[in-house]
N, C-alpha and C. Protein backbone atom coordinates (compact mmCIF):
# COMPACT_ATOMS: atom_id res chain seq x y z
N MET A 1 0.81 -1.19 0.00
CA MET A 1 0.00 0.00 0.00
C MET A 1 0.86 1.26 0.00
N ALA A 2 1.95 1.24 0.78
CA ALA A 2 2.83 2.41 0.85
C ALA A 2 3.43 2.74 -0.51
N LEU A 3 3.83 1.72 -1.25
CA LEU A 3 4.41 1.96 -2.57
C LEU A 3 3.38 2.51 -3.54
N LEU A 4 2.15 2.02 -3.45
CA LEU A 4 1.09 2.53 -4.31
C LEU A 4 0.81 4.00 -4.02
N VAL A 5 0.69 4.34 -2.75
CA VAL A 5 0.47 5.74 -2.36
C VAL A 5 1.62 6.62 -2.86
N ALA A 6 2.85 6.16 -2.63
CA ALA A 6 4.01 6.93 -3.06
C ALA A 6 4.03 7.09 -4.59
N ALA A 7 3.70 6.04 -5.32
CA ALA A 7 3.71 6.11 -6.79
C ALA A 7 2.65 7.08 -7.31
N VAL A 8 1.45 7.00 -6.76
CA VAL A 8 0.37 7.89 -7.21
C VAL A 8 0.71 9.35 -6.90
N LEU A 9 1.22 9.60 -5.71
CA LEU A 9 1.56 10.97 -5.34
C LEU A 9 2.77 11.48 -6.13
N PHE A 10 3.69 10.59 -6.48
CA PHE A 10 4.83 10.99 -7.31
C PHE A 10 4.32 11.43 -8.69
N TRP A 11 3.42 10.63 -9.24
CA TRP A 11 2.84 11.01 -10.53
C TRP A 11 2.14 12.36 -10.44
N ALA A 12 1.33 12.53 -9.39
CA ALA A 12 0.58 13.78 -9.23
C ALA A 12 1.52 14.98 -9.09
N ALA A 13 2.62 14.77 -8.37
CA ALA A 13 3.57 15.86 -8.13
C ALA A 13 4.34 16.25 -9.39
N THR A 14 4.39 15.36 -10.35
CA THR A 14 5.15 15.65 -11.57
C THR A 14 4.24 15.88 -12.79
N SER A 15 2.95 16.02 -12.55
CA SER A 15 1.99 16.20 -13.64
C SER A 15 1.59 17.67 -13.76
N ASP A 16 1.80 18.26 -14.92
CA ASP A 16 1.36 19.64 -15.16
C ASP A 16 -0.15 19.76 -15.05
N LEU A 17 -0.86 18.74 -15.51
CA LEU A 17 -2.32 18.74 -15.45
C LEU A 17 -2.81 18.84 -14.01
N VAL A 18 -2.22 18.04 -13.13
CA VAL A 18 -2.60 18.07 -11.71
C VAL A 18 -2.21 19.41 -11.09
N TYR A 19 -1.04 19.91 -11.44
CA TYR A 19 -0.58 21.19 -10.91
C TYR A 19 -1.57 22.30 -11.24
N GLU A 20 -1.96 22.39 -12.50
CA GLU A 20 -2.89 23.44 -12.92
C GLU A 20 -4.28 23.27 -12.31
N ALA A 21 -4.72 22.02 -12.14
CA ALA A 21 -6.04 21.77 -11.58
C ALA A 21 -6.11 22.06 -10.08
N THR A 22 -5.00 21.86 -9.38
CA THR A 22 -5.03 21.99 -7.92
C THR A 22 -4.52 23.31 -7.39
N SER A 23 -3.78 24.04 -8.19
CA SER A 23 -3.30 25.34 -7.71
C SER A 23 -3.24 26.34 -8.85
N PRO A 24 -4.42 26.74 -9.33
CA PRO A 24 -4.45 27.70 -10.43
C PRO A 24 -3.76 29.01 -10.03
N THR A 25 -2.94 29.51 -10.92
CA THR A 25 -2.15 30.71 -10.61
C THR A 25 -3.00 31.96 -10.43
N GLU A 26 -4.26 31.92 -10.87
CA GLU A 26 -5.10 33.11 -10.66
C GLU A 26 -5.52 33.27 -9.19
N LEU A 27 -5.34 32.24 -8.38
CA LEU A 27 -5.60 32.37 -6.94
C LEU A 27 -4.40 33.06 -6.30
N SER A 28 -4.64 34.10 -5.54
CA SER A 28 -3.54 34.85 -4.94
C SER A 28 -2.76 34.02 -3.92
N PHE A 29 -3.39 33.00 -3.38
CA PHE A 29 -2.77 32.17 -2.35
C PHE A 29 -2.37 30.79 -2.89
N HIS A 30 -2.18 30.67 -4.21
CA HIS A 30 -1.92 29.35 -4.79
C HIS A 30 -0.63 28.71 -4.27
N ILE A 31 0.36 29.50 -3.95
CA ILE A 31 1.62 28.92 -3.43
C ILE A 31 1.39 28.37 -2.03
N ALA A 32 0.73 29.12 -1.17
CA ALA A 32 0.44 28.63 0.18
C ALA A 32 -0.44 27.38 0.13
N LEU A 33 -1.41 27.38 -0.76
CA LEU A 33 -2.28 26.22 -0.93
C LEU A 33 -1.45 25.01 -1.35
N ARG A 34 -0.58 25.19 -2.30
CA ARG A 34 0.25 24.09 -2.81
C ARG A 34 1.17 23.55 -1.71
N LYS A 35 1.75 24.40 -0.92
CA LYS A 35 2.64 23.95 0.15
C LYS A 35 1.85 23.21 1.23
N ALA A 36 0.65 23.69 1.54
CA ALA A 36 -0.18 23.03 2.56
C ALA A 36 -0.58 21.63 2.13
N TYR A 37 -1.06 21.47 0.90
CA TYR A 37 -1.44 20.11 0.54
C TYR A 37 -0.23 19.26 0.20
N SER A 38 0.90 19.88 -0.05
CA SER A 38 2.14 19.13 -0.20
C SER A 38 2.51 18.48 1.13
N ILE A 39 2.45 19.24 2.21
CA ILE A 39 2.74 18.69 3.53
C ILE A 39 1.75 17.58 3.86
N ALA A 40 0.47 17.78 3.55
CA ALA A 40 -0.53 16.74 3.81
C ALA A 40 -0.24 15.47 3.01
N ALA A 41 0.13 15.63 1.75
CA ALA A 41 0.45 14.46 0.92
C ALA A 41 1.69 13.75 1.44
N PHE A 42 2.70 14.50 1.84
CA PHE A 42 3.90 13.88 2.39
C PHE A 42 3.62 13.22 3.74
N ALA A 43 2.68 13.76 4.50
CA ALA A 43 2.27 13.11 5.74
C ALA A 43 1.64 11.75 5.44
N LEU A 44 0.85 11.68 4.39
CA LEU A 44 0.26 10.40 3.99
C LEU A 44 1.35 9.40 3.59
N VAL A 45 2.35 9.87 2.86
CA VAL A 45 3.48 8.99 2.50
C VAL A 45 4.21 8.53 3.75
N GLY A 46 4.47 9.44 4.68
CA GLY A 46 5.13 9.08 5.93
C GLY A 46 4.32 8.11 6.76
N PHE A 47 3.01 8.33 6.81
CA PHE A 47 2.10 7.46 7.56
C PHE A 47 2.12 6.05 6.99
N THR A 48 1.96 5.92 5.67
CA THR A 48 1.92 4.59 5.06
C THR A 48 3.29 3.91 5.10
N ALA A 49 4.35 4.68 4.95
CA ALA A 49 5.70 4.11 5.04
C ALA A 49 5.96 3.59 6.45
N ASP A 50 5.52 4.32 7.45
CA ASP A 50 5.69 3.89 8.83
C ASP A 50 4.95 2.58 9.08
N LYS A 51 3.75 2.47 8.56
CA LYS A 51 2.98 1.24 8.72
C LYS A 51 3.68 0.07 8.01
N ALA A 52 4.23 0.34 6.83
CA ALA A 52 4.89 -0.71 6.06
C ALA A 52 6.21 -1.15 6.71
N LEU A 53 6.95 -0.20 7.28
CA LEU A 53 8.26 -0.50 7.83
C LEU A 53 8.20 -1.03 9.26
N GLY A 54 7.13 -0.76 9.96
CA GLY A 54 6.97 -1.28 11.31
C GLY A 54 7.64 -0.42 12.37
N PRO A 55 7.58 -0.89 13.60
CA PRO A 55 8.07 -0.12 14.74
C PRO A 55 9.56 0.21 14.64
N SER A 56 9.89 1.37 15.17
CA SER A 56 11.28 1.81 15.24
C SER A 56 11.38 2.82 16.38
N ALA A 57 12.49 2.78 17.08
CA ALA A 57 12.71 3.75 18.16
C ALA A 57 12.85 5.16 17.60
N LYS A 58 13.25 5.28 16.36
CA LYS A 58 13.44 6.59 15.73
C LYS A 58 12.57 6.71 14.49
N ALA A 59 11.31 6.32 14.64
CA ALA A 59 10.39 6.30 13.50
C ALA A 59 10.18 7.68 12.89
N VAL A 60 10.11 8.70 13.71
CA VAL A 60 9.88 10.05 13.20
C VAL A 60 11.09 10.50 12.37
N LEU A 61 12.28 10.26 12.88
CA LEU A 61 13.50 10.61 12.13
C LEU A 61 13.59 9.79 10.85
N ARG A 62 13.30 8.51 10.94
CA ARG A 62 13.34 7.63 9.77
C ARG A 62 12.40 8.15 8.68
N ALA A 63 11.18 8.49 9.06
CA ALA A 63 10.21 8.99 8.08
C ALA A 63 10.63 10.34 7.52
N ALA A 64 11.14 11.21 8.37
CA ALA A 64 11.58 12.53 7.90
C ALA A 64 12.67 12.38 6.84
N ILE A 65 13.61 11.49 7.07
CA ILE A 65 14.70 11.28 6.12
C ILE A 65 14.19 10.62 4.84
N LEU A 66 13.42 9.53 4.99
CA LEU A 66 12.91 8.82 3.81
C LEU A 66 12.02 9.71 2.94
N VAL A 67 11.10 10.40 3.58
CA VAL A 67 10.18 11.24 2.81
C VAL A 67 10.90 12.48 2.28
N GLY A 68 11.89 12.96 3.00
CA GLY A 68 12.70 14.05 2.48
C GLY A 68 13.43 13.64 1.21
N LEU A 69 13.98 12.43 1.19
CA LEU A 69 14.65 11.92 -0.01
C LEU A 69 13.65 11.71 -1.14
N TYR A 70 12.47 11.21 -0.81
CA TYR A 70 11.39 11.04 -1.80
C TYR A 70 11.01 12.40 -2.39
N SER A 71 10.88 13.39 -1.53
CA SER A 71 10.56 14.74 -1.98
C SER A 71 11.66 15.31 -2.87
N ALA A 72 12.91 15.07 -2.51
CA ALA A 72 14.03 15.53 -3.33
C ALA A 72 14.00 14.86 -4.70
N ALA A 73 13.62 13.57 -4.74
CA ALA A 73 13.51 12.86 -6.03
C ALA A 73 12.42 13.50 -6.90
N ILE A 74 11.34 13.92 -6.27
CA ILE A 74 10.29 14.61 -7.01
C ILE A 74 10.84 15.91 -7.59
N GLU A 75 11.60 16.65 -6.79
CA GLU A 75 12.17 17.91 -7.26
C GLU A 75 13.11 17.70 -8.44
N VAL A 76 13.94 16.67 -8.37
CA VAL A 76 14.86 16.37 -9.48
C VAL A 76 14.06 16.02 -10.74
N THR A 77 13.00 15.22 -10.57
CA THR A 77 12.16 14.85 -11.71
C THR A 77 11.48 16.07 -12.29
N GLN A 78 10.92 16.92 -11.43
CA GLN A 78 10.27 18.14 -11.92
C GLN A 78 11.27 19.01 -12.68
N ASP A 79 12.48 19.11 -12.16
CA ASP A 79 13.50 19.90 -12.85
C ASP A 79 13.82 19.31 -14.22
N SER A 80 13.92 18.00 -14.29
CA SER A 80 14.23 17.36 -15.58
C SER A 80 13.08 17.50 -16.58
N LEU A 81 11.88 17.74 -16.06
CA LEU A 81 10.72 17.94 -16.93
C LEU A 81 10.53 19.41 -17.31
N GLY A 82 11.43 20.27 -16.84
CA GLY A 82 11.38 21.66 -17.26
C GLY A 82 10.86 22.65 -16.24
N SER A 83 10.70 22.26 -14.99
CA SER A 83 10.25 23.19 -13.96
C SER A 83 11.24 24.34 -13.83
N LYS A 84 10.71 25.52 -13.60
CA LYS A 84 11.55 26.72 -13.47
C LYS A 84 11.48 27.28 -12.05
N GLU A 85 11.20 26.43 -11.06
CA GLU A 85 11.03 26.93 -9.69
C GLU A 85 12.32 27.48 -9.09
N GLY A 86 13.43 26.90 -9.37
CA GLY A 86 14.70 27.36 -8.80
C GLY A 86 15.06 26.64 -7.52
N LEU A 87 16.31 26.77 -7.14
CA LEU A 87 16.85 26.03 -6.01
C LEU A 87 16.15 26.35 -4.69
N ALA A 88 15.84 27.60 -4.42
CA ALA A 88 15.20 27.97 -3.15
C ALA A 88 13.86 27.27 -2.99
N TRP A 89 13.05 27.24 -4.04
CA TRP A 89 11.76 26.55 -3.96
C TRP A 89 11.95 25.05 -3.88
N ASN A 90 12.97 24.52 -4.55
CA ASN A 90 13.24 23.08 -4.46
C ASN A 90 13.58 22.69 -3.03
N VAL A 91 14.38 23.50 -2.38
CA VAL A 91 14.74 23.26 -0.98
C VAL A 91 13.49 23.37 -0.10
N ALA A 92 12.70 24.41 -0.32
CA ALA A 92 11.47 24.58 0.47
C ALA A 92 10.54 23.39 0.29
N ASP A 93 10.39 22.92 -0.94
CA ASP A 93 9.52 21.76 -1.19
C ASP A 93 10.07 20.50 -0.54
N THR A 94 11.38 20.33 -0.57
CA THR A 94 11.98 19.16 0.09
C THR A 94 11.77 19.23 1.60
N LEU A 95 11.86 20.43 2.16
CA LEU A 95 11.60 20.58 3.60
C LEU A 95 10.13 20.29 3.93
N CYS A 96 9.23 20.60 3.00
CA CYS A 96 7.82 20.21 3.19
C CYS A 96 7.73 18.69 3.29
N GLY A 97 8.54 17.99 2.51
CA GLY A 97 8.57 16.53 2.58
C GLY A 97 9.06 16.04 3.93
N VAL A 98 10.10 16.66 4.43
CA VAL A 98 10.65 16.29 5.74
C VAL A 98 9.60 16.49 6.83
N VAL A 99 8.98 17.67 6.83
CA VAL A 99 7.95 17.98 7.84
C VAL A 99 6.76 17.04 7.69
N GLY A 100 6.30 16.84 6.47
CA GLY A 100 5.16 15.97 6.24
C GLY A 100 5.44 14.53 6.65
N GLY A 101 6.62 14.02 6.30
CA GLY A 101 6.97 12.65 6.69
C GLY A 101 6.95 12.46 8.20
N ALA A 102 7.56 13.40 8.91
CA ALA A 102 7.56 13.34 10.38
C ALA A 102 6.14 13.45 10.93
N LEU A 103 5.36 14.34 10.36
CA LEU A 103 3.98 14.53 10.79
C LEU A 103 3.16 13.24 10.60
N GLY A 104 3.38 12.56 9.50
CA GLY A 104 2.67 11.31 9.25
C GLY A 104 2.90 10.27 10.33
N VAL A 105 4.14 10.16 10.81
CA VAL A 105 4.45 9.21 11.88
C VAL A 105 3.84 9.67 13.20
N ILE A 106 3.89 10.96 13.47
CA ILE A 106 3.29 11.48 14.70
C ILE A 106 1.80 11.17 14.72
N ILE A 107 1.14 11.36 13.61
CA ILE A 107 -0.28 11.04 13.50
C ILE A 107 -0.51 9.54 13.69
N ALA A 108 0.32 8.72 13.05
CA ALA A 108 0.19 7.26 13.19
C ALA A 108 0.33 6.85 14.65
N ARG A 109 1.28 7.41 15.36
CA ARG A 109 1.49 7.06 16.78
C ARG A 109 0.31 7.50 17.64
N ARG A 110 -0.24 8.66 17.35
CA ARG A 110 -1.40 9.12 18.13
C ARG A 110 -2.61 8.22 17.90
N ILE A 111 -2.80 7.79 16.67
CA ILE A 111 -3.90 6.87 16.37
C ILE A 111 -3.70 5.56 17.11
N GLU A 112 -2.48 5.04 17.10
CA GLU A 112 -2.18 3.79 17.81
C GLU A 112 -2.45 3.93 19.29
N ARG A 113 -2.01 5.04 19.89
CA ARG A 113 -2.24 5.26 21.32
C ARG A 113 -3.72 5.36 21.65
N SER A 114 -4.47 6.05 20.79
CA SER A 114 -5.89 6.19 21.06
C SER A 114 -6.62 4.84 20.95
N ARG A 115 -6.15 3.98 20.06
CA ARG A 115 -6.77 2.65 19.92
C ARG A 115 -6.44 1.75 21.10
N THR A 116 -5.21 1.85 21.62
CA THR A 116 -4.83 1.00 22.75
C THR A 116 -5.45 1.51 24.05
N ASN A 117 -5.76 2.79 24.13
CA ASN A 117 -6.37 3.35 25.33
C ASN A 117 -7.89 3.23 25.31
N ALA A 118 -8.45 2.83 24.19
CA ALA A 118 -9.91 2.73 24.08
C ALA A 118 -10.44 1.44 24.61
């Protein structure tokens, strides 16, 4: 499941059609919108990766690194497809991946705790 989620989101992140449909440039806040759902999507990747990889004492760090690398791969692919965002935005987007990956594990742990306490 984690690989399927990662593959679908990778495709979405590198698709001009998805980009235009989800963050039209005529919206004044399209960049903030794109970064917000980027973090949410990376949280989903971190959540599913955590479930697939199982328990770890450093699960949050593991997810932050893995999803950060995944995010960097997206940036490299976007650049090879002709993106003109520039290095600063590439770094910002990769950091969204790091934050989202860590957030996904934090959410997973809270869900687990709430289920065991119920």
